[in-house]
Amino acid sequence: MFEQPGCVWCQRFENEIAPGYAGSDEGRLAPLRRVDLKAQASAGFELATNVRITPTFVLVDGGREIGRLTGYPGKEFFWPELADLTNRLPPNPNRAPPRTSAE
């Protein structure tokens, strides 16, 4: 997640999504790492293009960007969009699979 101080949409994400993110299926597939917008050059992975809007959620695999969500559309739209994004991840036997609702 690329963020910057004073970003009201970042704060809205923080209030609505962040508390349950790590425990979600998507959170287990794509743990949240926060990067200051001004530090993107030293983020440690290859971006397809520079990030200009916060928040921007960049899905990374193998040090390269797989896809991104630009902006925070609200909790009703965030989860489905994130699920679509994580479905782009290539199969990886070392990655923990999402839990089923029976677990």
Protein backbone atom coordinates (compact mmCIF):
# COMPACT_ATOMS: atom_id res chain seq x y z
CA MET A 1 0.00 0.00 0.00
CA PHE A 2 1.50 3.30 -1.07
CA GLU A 3 0.38 6.06 1.25
CA GLN A 4 1.26 9.57 2.31
CA PRO A 5 0.61 11.74 5.35
CA GLY A 6 -2.72 13.54 5.29
CA CYS A 7 -4.35 11.15 2.80
CA VAL A 8 -8.03 10.98 3.81
CA TRP A 9 -8.65 7.90 1.67
CA CYS A 10 -5.71 6.14 3.34
CA GLN A 11 -7.30 6.93 6.71
CA ARG A 12 -10.65 5.64 5.53
CA PHE A 13 -8.95 2.38 4.45
CA GLU A 14 -7.24 2.26 7.85
CA ASN A 15 -10.60 2.53 9.63
CA GLU A 16 -12.69 0.28 7.39
CA ILE A 17 -10.35 -2.45 6.11
CA ALA A 18 -7.03 -2.56 7.94
CA PRO A 19 -8.33 -4.07 11.22
CA GLY A 20 -9.47 -7.27 9.46
CA TYR A 21 -7.09 -7.35 6.53
CA ALA A 22 -4.45 -9.74 7.90
CA GLY A 23 -7.10 -12.32 8.81
CA SER A 24 -8.75 -12.29 5.38
CA ASP A 25 -8.02 -14.78 2.59
CA GLU A 26 -6.58 -11.96 0.50
CA GLY A 27 -4.51 -10.72 3.43
CA ARG A 28 -2.92 -14.14 3.81
CA LEU A 29 -2.16 -14.29 0.08
CA ALA A 30 -0.93 -10.69 -0.10
CA PRO A 31 0.22 -9.38 3.28
CA LEU A 32 -0.04 -5.60 3.52
CA ARG A 33 3.21 -3.68 3.42
CA ARG A 34 3.04 0.09 3.69
CA VAL A 35 5.34 2.27 1.59
CA ASP A 36 5.50 6.05 1.71
CA LEU A 37 4.72 7.51 -1.70
CA LYS A 38 8.01 9.43 -1.68
CA ALA A 39 9.99 6.21 -1.00
CA GLN A 40 8.73 4.21 -3.97
CA ALA A 41 12.16 4.16 -5.64
CA SER A 42 13.50 2.22 -2.67
CA ALA A 43 10.46 -0.04 -2.18
CA GLY A 44 12.50 -3.13 -3.10
CA PHE A 45 10.43 -4.29 -6.07
CA GLU A 46 9.85 -3.35 -9.70
CA LEU A 47 6.84 -1.14 -10.44
CA ALA A 48 5.16 -1.17 -13.86
CA THR A 49 4.78 2.63 -13.58
CA ASN A 50 5.29 5.23 -10.87
CA VAL A 51 2.61 5.54 -8.23
CA ARG A 52 1.01 8.98 -8.17
CA ILE A 53 -2.21 8.51 -6.19
CA THR A 54 -2.67 7.35 -2.61
CA PRO A 55 -3.64 4.90 -1.54
CA THR A 56 -2.46 2.58 -4.30
CA PHE A 57 -2.32 -1.14 -3.60
CA VAL A 58 0.34 -2.94 -5.64
CA LEU A 59 0.37 -6.73 -5.78
CA VAL A 60 3.92 -8.02 -6.06
CA ASP A 61 5.21 -11.51 -6.77
CA GLY A 62 8.84 -12.41 -7.32
CA GLY A 63 9.88 -8.77 -6.95
CA ARG A 64 7.66 -7.60 -9.83
CA GLU A 65 4.29 -5.91 -9.99
CA ILE A 66 1.42 -8.23 -10.91
CA GLY A 67 -1.28 -5.58 -10.76
CA ARG A 68 -2.62 -2.66 -8.75
CA LEU A 69 -5.67 -0.97 -7.33
CA THR A 70 -5.45 2.79 -7.59
CA GLY A 71 -7.39 4.61 -4.90
CA TYR A 72 -9.72 3.26 -2.26
CA PRO A 73 -13.27 2.78 -3.57
CA GLY A 74 -14.87 1.94 -0.21
CA LYS A 75 -15.26 -1.40 1.54
CA GLU A 76 -18.12 -2.61 -0.68
CA PHE A 77 -15.88 -2.47 -3.74
CA PHE A 78 -12.42 -3.00 -2.23
CA TRP A 79 -12.79 -6.70 -1.32
CA PRO A 80 -14.10 -7.89 -4.72
CA GLU A 81 -11.48 -5.84 -6.55
CA LEU A 82 -8.73 -7.22 -4.31
CA ALA A 83 -10.00 -10.78 -4.83
CA ASP A 84 -9.83 -10.26 -8.61
CA LEU A 85 -6.30 -8.94 -8.22
CA THR A 86 -5.06 -11.82 -6.06
CA ASN A 87 -6.51 -14.28 -8.58
CA ARG A 88 -3.75 -13.06 -10.93
CA LEU A 89 -1.06 -14.55 -8.70
CA PRO A 90 0.71 -17.48 -10.35
CA PRO A 91 0.48 -20.83 -8.54
CA ASN A 92 3.06 -21.13 -5.78
CA PRO A 93 3.35 -24.25 -3.60
CA ASN A 94 5.13 -22.20 -0.91
CA ARG A 95 2.28 -19.69 -0.61
CA ALA A 96 -0.31 -20.49 2.03
CA PRO A 97 -3.69 -21.25 0.46
CA PRO A 98 -6.69 -19.28 1.61
CA ARG A 99 -8.67 -20.84 4.46
CA THR A 100 -12.08 -22.20 3.70
CA SER A 101 -15.10 -21.10 5.67
CA ALA A 102 -15.10 -24.50 7.44
CA GLU A 103 -11.74 -23.85 9.11
